[in-house]
Amino acid sequence: MIRIHNFPGGARGIRAIWACEEMGLAYETSAVTFPPSDAYKALNPLGSVPFLEDGAVAINESIAIMLYLAERYGPTPLLPKGDPVALARVMQLTVYGEASLGAGIDPLLMAKFGAPDADKLNWSVRTQVGRVERFIAYVEAQLGDRPFLVGDDLTLADIAVTTALGIWQGALDGPLSERLLAWRAGLAARPAWQRAQAAQVRPPPS
């Protein structure tokens, strides 16, 4: 059985849960406390989330988890392997959703919630905001007028990128264009996304 460990409501964990829902895979979720327990760190020494167990498989990193699920349990439209051009674009934008967008947003989260007041909008933070805004503009250019980032179906790229934009918009009050807001609303209307939201782990009983 696939088990997905995540903080209650953890944003990046929704990627793995959503991918399972889109693929019709059976899975269960497990709530991770903060700070992580010693028992959890024995499973995942980094103490990070999400973390996936699937038989002998045990991996972290949300993008790696999605790629593993698509490869292990595909074929799936989430990873269109029949078209090398589409496959390359999906892989690029899926990684981009974390390596550029997610990694760019993380320092801004640290600044907002952890930095002294005098440093919350310092030169480094302002520069990083500009970088993230350029990354977001690239997403909008790639999307154009299409309903999905690549081809005519939802792919891992959509899941990866919209999750990062959700962090930008929700945790940082970052602005998004009307086009990107409409795209995200269309994705959120998918039954699989709604089931994934409902399946988000809740805090363990005290």
C-alpha atoms as a PDB file:
ATOM      1  CA  MET A   1       0.000   0.000   0.000  1.00  0.00           C
ATOM      2  CA  ILE A   2       1.235   3.478  -0.878  1.00  0.00           C
ATOM      3  CA  ARG A   3       1.620   5.627   2.220  1.00  0.00           C
ATOM      4  CA  ILE A   4       2.154   9.379   1.973  1.00  0.00           C
ATOM      5  CA  HIS A   5       3.544  11.141   5.032  1.00  0.00           C
ATOM      6  CA  ASN A   6       2.807  14.848   5.244  1.00  0.00           C
ATOM      7  CA  PHE A   7       2.319  17.700   7.663  1.00  0.00           C
ATOM      8  CA  PRO A   8      -1.399  18.386   8.149  1.00  0.00           C
ATOM      9  CA  GLY A   9      -2.274  20.600   5.208  1.00  0.00           C
ATOM     10  CA  GLY A  10       1.315  20.493   3.896  1.00  0.00           C
ATOM     11  CA  ALA A  11       1.291  22.191   0.496  1.00  0.00           C
ATOM     12  CA  ARG A  12       3.828  20.051  -1.330  1.00  0.00           C
ATOM     13  CA  GLY A  13       2.289  16.813  -0.104  1.00  0.00           C
ATOM     14  CA  ILE A  14      -0.827  17.578  -2.140  1.00  0.00           C
ATOM     15  CA  ARG A  15       1.225  16.862  -5.263  1.00  0.00           C
ATOM     16  CA  ALA A  16       1.632  13.206  -4.341  1.00  0.00           C
ATOM     17  CA  ILE A  17      -1.938  12.804  -3.117  1.00  0.00           C
ATOM     18  CA  TRP A  18      -3.368  14.486  -6.213  1.00  0.00           C
ATOM     19  CA  ALA A  19      -1.286  12.304  -8.532  1.00  0.00           C
ATOM     20  CA  CYS A  20      -2.626   9.197  -6.778  1.00  0.00           C
ATOM     21  CA  GLU A  21      -6.188  10.451  -7.143  1.00  0.00           C
ATOM     22  CA  GLU A  22      -5.772  11.232 -10.840  1.00  0.00           C
ATOM     23  CA  MET A  23      -4.315   7.761 -11.441  1.00  0.00           C
ATOM     24  CA  GLY A  24      -6.888   5.945  -9.323  1.00  0.00           C
ATOM     25  CA  LEU A  25      -4.239   4.512  -7.005  1.00  0.00           C
ATOM     26  CA  ALA A  26      -5.054   3.225  -3.546  1.00  0.00           C
ATOM     27  CA  TYR A  27      -3.079   5.057  -0.864  1.00  0.00           C
ATOM     28  CA  GLU A  28      -3.180   6.155   2.733  1.00  0.00           C
ATOM     29  CA  THR A  29      -1.908   9.277   4.445  1.00  0.00           C
ATOM     30  CA  SER A  30       0.017   9.609   7.683  1.00  0.00           C
ATOM     31  CA  ALA A  31       0.255  12.839   9.676  1.00  0.00           C
ATOM     32  CA  VAL A  32       3.725  14.098  10.578  1.00  0.00           C
ATOM     33  CA  THR A  33       4.093  16.224  13.704  1.00  0.00           C
ATOM     34  CA  PHE A  34       6.137  19.409  13.865  1.00  0.00           C
ATOM     35  CA  PRO A  35       8.835  19.073  14.906  1.00  0.00           C
ATOM     36  CA  PRO A  36       9.024  15.569  13.428  1.00  0.00           C
ATOM     37  CA  SER A  37       9.190  12.710  15.892  1.00  0.00           C
ATOM     38  CA  ASP A  38      12.218  10.495  16.330  1.00  0.00           C
ATOM     39  CA  ALA A  39      10.193   7.622  14.873  1.00  0.00           C
ATOM     40  CA  TYR A  40       9.549   9.617  11.697  1.00  0.00           C
ATOM     41  CA  LYS A  41      13.189  10.682  11.421  1.00  0.00           C
ATOM     42  CA  ALA A  42      14.146   7.027  11.635  1.00  0.00           C
ATOM     43  CA  LEU A  43      12.128   6.560   8.423  1.00  0.00           C
ATOM     44  CA  ASN A  44      13.216   9.814   6.797  1.00  0.00           C
ATOM     45  CA  PRO A  45      16.365  11.268   8.410  1.00  0.00           C
ATOM     46  CA  LEU A  46      15.759  14.660   6.796  1.00  0.00           C
ATOM     47  CA  GLY A  47      12.465  14.947   8.630  1.00  0.00           C
ATOM     48  CA  SER A  48      10.995  16.553   5.522  1.00  0.00           C
ATOM     49  CA  VAL A  49       7.623  16.094   3.861  1.00  0.00           C
ATOM     50  CA  PRO A  50       6.188  14.660   1.778  1.00  0.00           C
ATOM     51  CA  PHE A  51       7.683  11.216   2.162  1.00  0.00           C
ATOM     52  CA  LEU A  52       6.409   8.120   0.371  1.00  0.00           C
ATOM     53  CA  GLU A  53       6.556   4.461   1.325  1.00  0.00           C
ATOM     54  CA  ASP A  54       5.531   1.808  -1.183  1.00  0.00           C
ATOM     55  CA  GLY A  55       6.704  -1.642  -0.215  1.00  0.00           C
ATOM     56  CA  ALA A  56      10.499  -1.532  -0.248  1.00  0.00           C
ATOM     57  CA  VAL A  57      10.466   1.960  -1.795  1.00  0.00           C
ATOM     58  CA  ALA A  58      10.981   4.915   0.547  1.00  0.00           C
ATOM     59  CA  ILE A  59      11.646   8.337  -1.001  1.00  0.00           C
ATOM     60  CA  ASN A  60      11.230  12.031  -0.319  1.00  0.00           C
ATOM     61  CA  GLU A  61      10.980  15.067  -2.653  1.00  0.00           C
ATOM     62  CA  SER A  62       7.508  15.711  -4.056  1.00  0.00           C
ATOM     63  CA  ILE A  63       8.630  15.844  -7.697  1.00  0.00           C
ATOM     64  CA  ALA A  64      10.530  12.571  -7.410  1.00  0.00           C
ATOM     65  CA  ILE A  65       7.484  10.992  -5.773  1.00  0.00           C
ATOM     66  CA  MET A  66       5.198  12.033  -8.635  1.00  0.00           C
ATOM     67  CA  LEU A  67       7.635  10.794 -11.251  1.00  0.00           C
ATOM     68  CA  TYR A  68       7.996   7.506  -9.405  1.00  0.00           C
ATOM     69  CA  LEU A  69       4.223   7.007  -9.258  1.00  0.00           C
ATOM     70  CA  ALA A  70       3.813   7.777 -12.956  1.00  0.00           C
ATOM     71  CA  GLU A  71       6.632   5.407 -13.927  1.00  0.00           C
ATOM     72  CA  ARG A  72       5.735   2.631 -11.513  1.00  0.00           C
ATOM     73  CA  TYR A  73       1.989   2.609 -12.031  1.00  0.00           C
ATOM     74  CA  GLY A  74       1.616   4.098 -15.533  1.00  0.00           C
ATOM     75  CA  PRO A  75       1.089   4.504 -18.345  1.00  0.00           C
ATOM     76  CA  THR A  76      -0.769   7.658 -17.460  1.00  0.00           C
ATOM     77  CA  PRO A  77      -1.629  10.899 -19.274  1.00  0.00           C
ATOM     78  CA  LEU A  78       0.165  12.644 -16.421  1.00  0.00           C
ATOM     79  CA  LEU A  79       3.433  11.603 -18.100  1.00  0.00           C
ATOM     80  CA  PRO A  80       2.796  11.348 -21.881  1.00  0.00           C
ATOM     81  CA  LYS A  81       5.585   8.993 -22.923  1.00  0.00           C
ATOM     82  CA  GLY A  82       4.228   8.389 -26.427  1.00  0.00           C
ATOM     83  CA  ASP A  83       5.232  11.874 -27.608  1.00  0.00           C
ATOM     84  CA  PRO A  84       8.891  12.736 -26.935  1.00  0.00           C
ATOM     85  CA  VAL A  85       8.308  16.474 -27.401  1.00  0.00           C
ATOM     86  CA  ALA A  86       5.422  16.494 -24.922  1.00  0.00           C
ATOM     87  CA  LEU A  87       7.335  14.233 -22.546  1.00  0.00           C
ATOM     88  CA  ALA A  88      10.317  16.594 -22.543  1.00  0.00           C
ATOM     89  CA  ARG A  89       8.093  19.606 -21.857  1.00  0.00           C
ATOM     90  CA  VAL A  90       6.258  17.844 -19.050  1.00  0.00           C
ATOM     91  CA  MET A  91       9.500  16.792 -17.392  1.00  0.00           C
ATOM     92  CA  GLN A  92      11.001  20.269 -17.761  1.00  0.00           C
ATOM     93  CA  LEU A  93       7.995  22.093 -16.323  1.00  0.00           C
ATOM     94  CA  THR A  94       7.451  19.522 -13.592  1.00  0.00           C
ATOM     95  CA  VAL A  95      10.995  20.028 -12.312  1.00  0.00           C
ATOM     96  CA  TYR A  96      10.653  23.781 -12.890  1.00  0.00           C
ATOM     97  CA  GLY A  97       7.702  23.818 -10.501  1.00  0.00           C
ATOM     98  CA  GLU A  98      10.055  23.040  -7.631  1.00  0.00           C
ATOM     99  CA  ALA A  99      13.619  23.714  -8.765  1.00  0.00           C
ATOM    100  CA  SER A 100      12.822  27.256  -9.922  1.00  0.00           C
ATOM    101  CA  LEU A 101       9.455  28.272  -8.483  1.00  0.00           C
ATOM    102  CA  GLY A 102       9.433  26.335  -5.224  1.00  0.00           C
ATOM    103  CA  ALA A 103      13.091  26.918  -4.463  1.00  0.00           C
ATOM    104  CA  GLY A 104      12.653  30.588  -5.272  1.00  0.00           C
ATOM    105  CA  ILE A 105       9.669  30.933  -2.970  1.00  0.00           C
ATOM    106  CA  ASP A 106      11.246  29.203   0.039  1.00  0.00           C
ATOM    107  CA  PRO A 107      13.627  32.075   0.955  1.00  0.00           C
ATOM    108  CA  LEU A 108      10.667  34.461   0.835  1.00  0.00           C
ATOM    109  CA  LEU A 109       8.786  32.256   3.291  1.00  0.00           C
ATOM    110  CA  MET A 110      11.800  32.275   5.589  1.00  0.00           C
ATOM    111  CA  ALA A 111      12.034  36.052   5.355  1.00  0.00           C
ATOM    112  CA  LYS A 112       8.338  36.619   6.005  1.00  0.00           C
ATOM    113  CA  PHE A 113       7.975  34.243   8.930  1.00  0.00           C
ATOM    114  CA  GLY A 114      11.470  34.119  10.398  1.00  0.00           C
ATOM    115  CA  ALA A 115      13.465  37.255   9.653  1.00  0.00           C
ATOM    116  CA  PRO A 116      13.677  40.261  11.985  1.00  0.00           C
ATOM    117  CA  ASP A 117      11.378  43.094  10.909  1.00  0.00           C
ATOM    118  CA  ALA A 118      14.304  45.119   9.562  1.00  0.00           C
ATOM    119  CA  ASP A 119      15.244  42.299   7.178  1.00  0.00           C
ATOM    120  CA  LYS A 120      11.836  41.199   5.923  1.00  0.00           C
ATOM    121  CA  LEU A 121      12.080  43.470   2.862  1.00  0.00           C
ATOM    122  CA  ASN A 122      15.830  43.898   2.529  1.00  0.00           C
ATOM    123  CA  TRP A 123      17.721  43.993  -0.764  1.00  0.00           C
ATOM    124  CA  SER A 124      18.010  40.210  -1.000  1.00  0.00           C
ATOM    125  CA  VAL A 125      14.295  39.716  -0.409  1.00  0.00           C
ATOM    126  CA  ARG A 126      13.317  42.365  -2.962  1.00  0.00           C
ATOM    127  CA  THR A 127      15.666  40.825  -5.514  1.00  0.00           C
ATOM    128  CA  GLN A 128      14.240  37.360  -4.881  1.00  0.00           C
ATOM    129  CA  VAL A 129      10.679  38.630  -5.323  1.00  0.00           C
ATOM    130  CA  GLY A 130      11.677  39.918  -8.742  1.00  0.00           C
ATOM    131  CA  ARG A 131      13.161  36.550  -9.655  1.00  0.00           C
ATOM    132  CA  VAL A 132      10.011  34.704  -8.648  1.00  0.00           C
ATOM    133  CA  GLU A 133       7.872  37.156 -10.599  1.00  0.00           C
ATOM    134  CA  ARG A 134       9.956  36.401 -13.700  1.00  0.00           C
ATOM    135  CA  PHE A 135       9.546  32.668 -13.084  1.00  0.00           C
ATOM    136  CA  ILE A 136       5.772  33.159 -12.870  1.00  0.00           C
ATOM    137  CA  ALA A 137       5.715  35.224 -16.065  1.00  0.00           C
ATOM    138  CA  TYR A 138       7.449  32.320 -17.806  1.00  0.00           C
ATOM    139  CA  VAL A 139       4.685  29.965 -16.649  1.00  0.00           C
ATOM    140  CA  GLU A 140       2.031  32.286 -18.058  1.00  0.00           C
ATOM    141  CA  ALA A 141       3.848  32.479 -21.362  1.00  0.00           C
ATOM    142  CA  GLN A 142       4.071  28.698 -21.557  1.00  0.00           C
ATOM    143  CA  LEU A 143       0.389  28.327 -20.730  1.00  0.00           C
ATOM    144  CA  GLY A 144      -0.894  30.804 -23.284  1.00  0.00           C
ATOM    145  CA  ASP A 145      -4.585  30.252 -23.960  1.00  0.00           C
ATOM    146  CA  ARG A 146      -4.504  26.503 -23.324  1.00  0.00           C
ATOM    147  CA  PRO A 147      -6.280  24.766 -20.447  1.00  0.00           C
ATOM    148  CA  PHE A 148      -3.097  22.866 -19.508  1.00  0.00           C
ATOM    149  CA  LEU A 149       0.606  23.563 -19.657  1.00  0.00           C
ATOM    150  CA  VAL A 150       1.350  20.730 -22.103  1.00  0.00           C
ATOM    151  CA  GLY A 151      -1.091  19.245 -24.591  1.00  0.00           C
ATOM    152  CA  ASP A 152      -4.797  18.657 -24.067  1.00  0.00           C
ATOM    153  CA  ASP A 153      -4.673  16.831 -20.727  1.00  0.00           C
ATOM    154  CA  LEU A 154      -3.555  17.446 -17.189  1.00  0.00           C
ATOM    155  CA  THR A 155       0.051  16.418 -16.585  1.00  0.00           C
ATOM    156  CA  LEU A 156       2.502  16.360 -13.721  1.00  0.00           C
ATOM    157  CA  ALA A 157       3.616  19.793 -14.898  1.00  0.00           C
ATOM    158  CA  ASP A 158       0.256  21.326 -14.005  1.00  0.00           C
ATOM    159  CA  ILE A 159       0.269  19.656 -10.587  1.00  0.00           C
ATOM    160  CA  ALA A 160       3.827  20.754  -9.811  1.00  0.00           C
ATOM    161  CA  VAL A 161       3.464  24.350 -10.959  1.00  0.00           C
ATOM    162  CA  THR A 162       0.025  25.155  -9.564  1.00  0.00           C
ATOM    163  CA  THR A 163       1.116  23.850  -6.159  1.00  0.00           C
ATOM    164  CA  ALA A 164       4.037  26.286  -6.113  1.00  0.00           C
ATOM    165  CA  LEU A 165       1.774  29.125  -7.212  1.00  0.00           C
ATOM    166  CA  GLY A 166      -0.604  28.221  -4.409  1.00  0.00           C
ATOM    167  CA  ILE A 167       2.195  28.742  -1.889  1.00  0.00           C
ATOM    168  CA  TRP A 168       3.089  32.068  -3.507  1.00  0.00           C
ATOM    169  CA  GLN A 169      -0.512  33.228  -3.472  1.00  0.00           C
ATOM    170  CA  GLY A 170      -1.616  31.761  -0.144  1.00  0.00           C
ATOM    171  CA  ALA A 171       1.356  32.091   2.190  1.00  0.00           C
ATOM    172  CA  LEU A 172       2.941  35.192   0.664  1.00  0.00           C
ATOM    173  CA  ASP A 173      -0.120  37.031  -0.688  1.00  0.00           C
ATOM    174  CA  GLY A 174       1.696  37.074  -4.024  1.00  0.00           C
ATOM    175  CA  PRO A 175      -0.249  38.452  -6.993  1.00  0.00           C
ATOM    176  CA  LEU A 176      -1.263  36.350  -9.977  1.00  0.00           C
ATOM    177  CA  SER A 177      -2.684  37.444 -13.296  1.00  0.00           C
ATOM    178  CA  GLU A 178      -6.319  36.827 -14.190  1.00  0.00           C
ATOM    179  CA  ARG A 179      -5.131  34.197 -16.664  1.00  0.00           C
ATOM    180  CA  LEU A 180      -3.248  32.224 -14.033  1.00  0.00           C
ATOM    181  CA  LEU A 181      -6.064  32.601 -11.516  1.00  0.00           C
ATOM    182  CA  ALA A 182      -8.522  31.186 -14.047  1.00  0.00           C
ATOM    183  CA  TRP A 183      -6.171  28.297 -14.864  1.00  0.00           C
ATOM    184  CA  ARG A 184      -5.754  27.446 -11.191  1.00  0.00           C
ATOM    185  CA  ALA A 185      -9.511  27.628 -10.654  1.00  0.00           C
ATOM    186  CA  GLY A 186     -10.055  25.182 -13.498  1.00  0.00           C
ATOM    187  CA  LEU A 187      -7.589  22.738 -11.962  1.00  0.00           C
ATOM    188  CA  ALA A 188      -9.190  23.103  -8.532  1.00  0.00           C
ATOM    189  CA  ALA A 189     -12.556  22.160 -10.023  1.00  0.00           C
ATOM    190  CA  ARG A 190     -11.276  18.706 -10.956  1.00  0.00           C
ATOM    191  CA  PRO A 191     -12.860  15.958  -8.832  1.00  0.00           C
ATOM    192  CA  ALA A 192      -9.452  14.367  -8.231  1.00  0.00           C
ATOM    193  CA  TRP A 193      -8.073  17.623  -6.821  1.00  0.00           C
ATOM    194  CA  GLN A 194     -11.090  17.986  -4.547  1.00  0.00           C
ATOM    195  CA  ARG A 195     -10.672  14.415  -3.311  1.00  0.00           C
ATOM    196  CA  ALA A 196      -6.989  15.105  -2.688  1.00  0.00           C
ATOM    197  CA  GLN A 197      -7.865  18.165  -0.649  1.00  0.00           C
ATOM    198  CA  ALA A 198     -10.340  16.149   1.405  1.00  0.00           C
ATOM    199  CA  ALA A 199      -7.702  13.464   1.979  1.00  0.00           C
ATOM    200  CA  GLN A 200      -5.121  15.881   3.361  1.00  0.00           C
ATOM    201  CA  VAL A 201      -3.967  14.495   6.660  1.00  0.00           C
ATOM    202  CA  ARG A 202      -5.305  15.995   9.867  1.00  0.00           C
ATOM    203  CA  PRO A 203      -3.355  16.583  13.073  1.00  0.00           C
ATOM    204  CA  PRO A 204      -2.797  13.401  15.101  1.00  0.00           C
ATOM    205  CA  PRO A 205      -4.898  13.146  18.273  1.00  0.00           C
ATOM    206  CA  SER A 206      -3.302  14.764  21.300  1.00  0.00           C
END
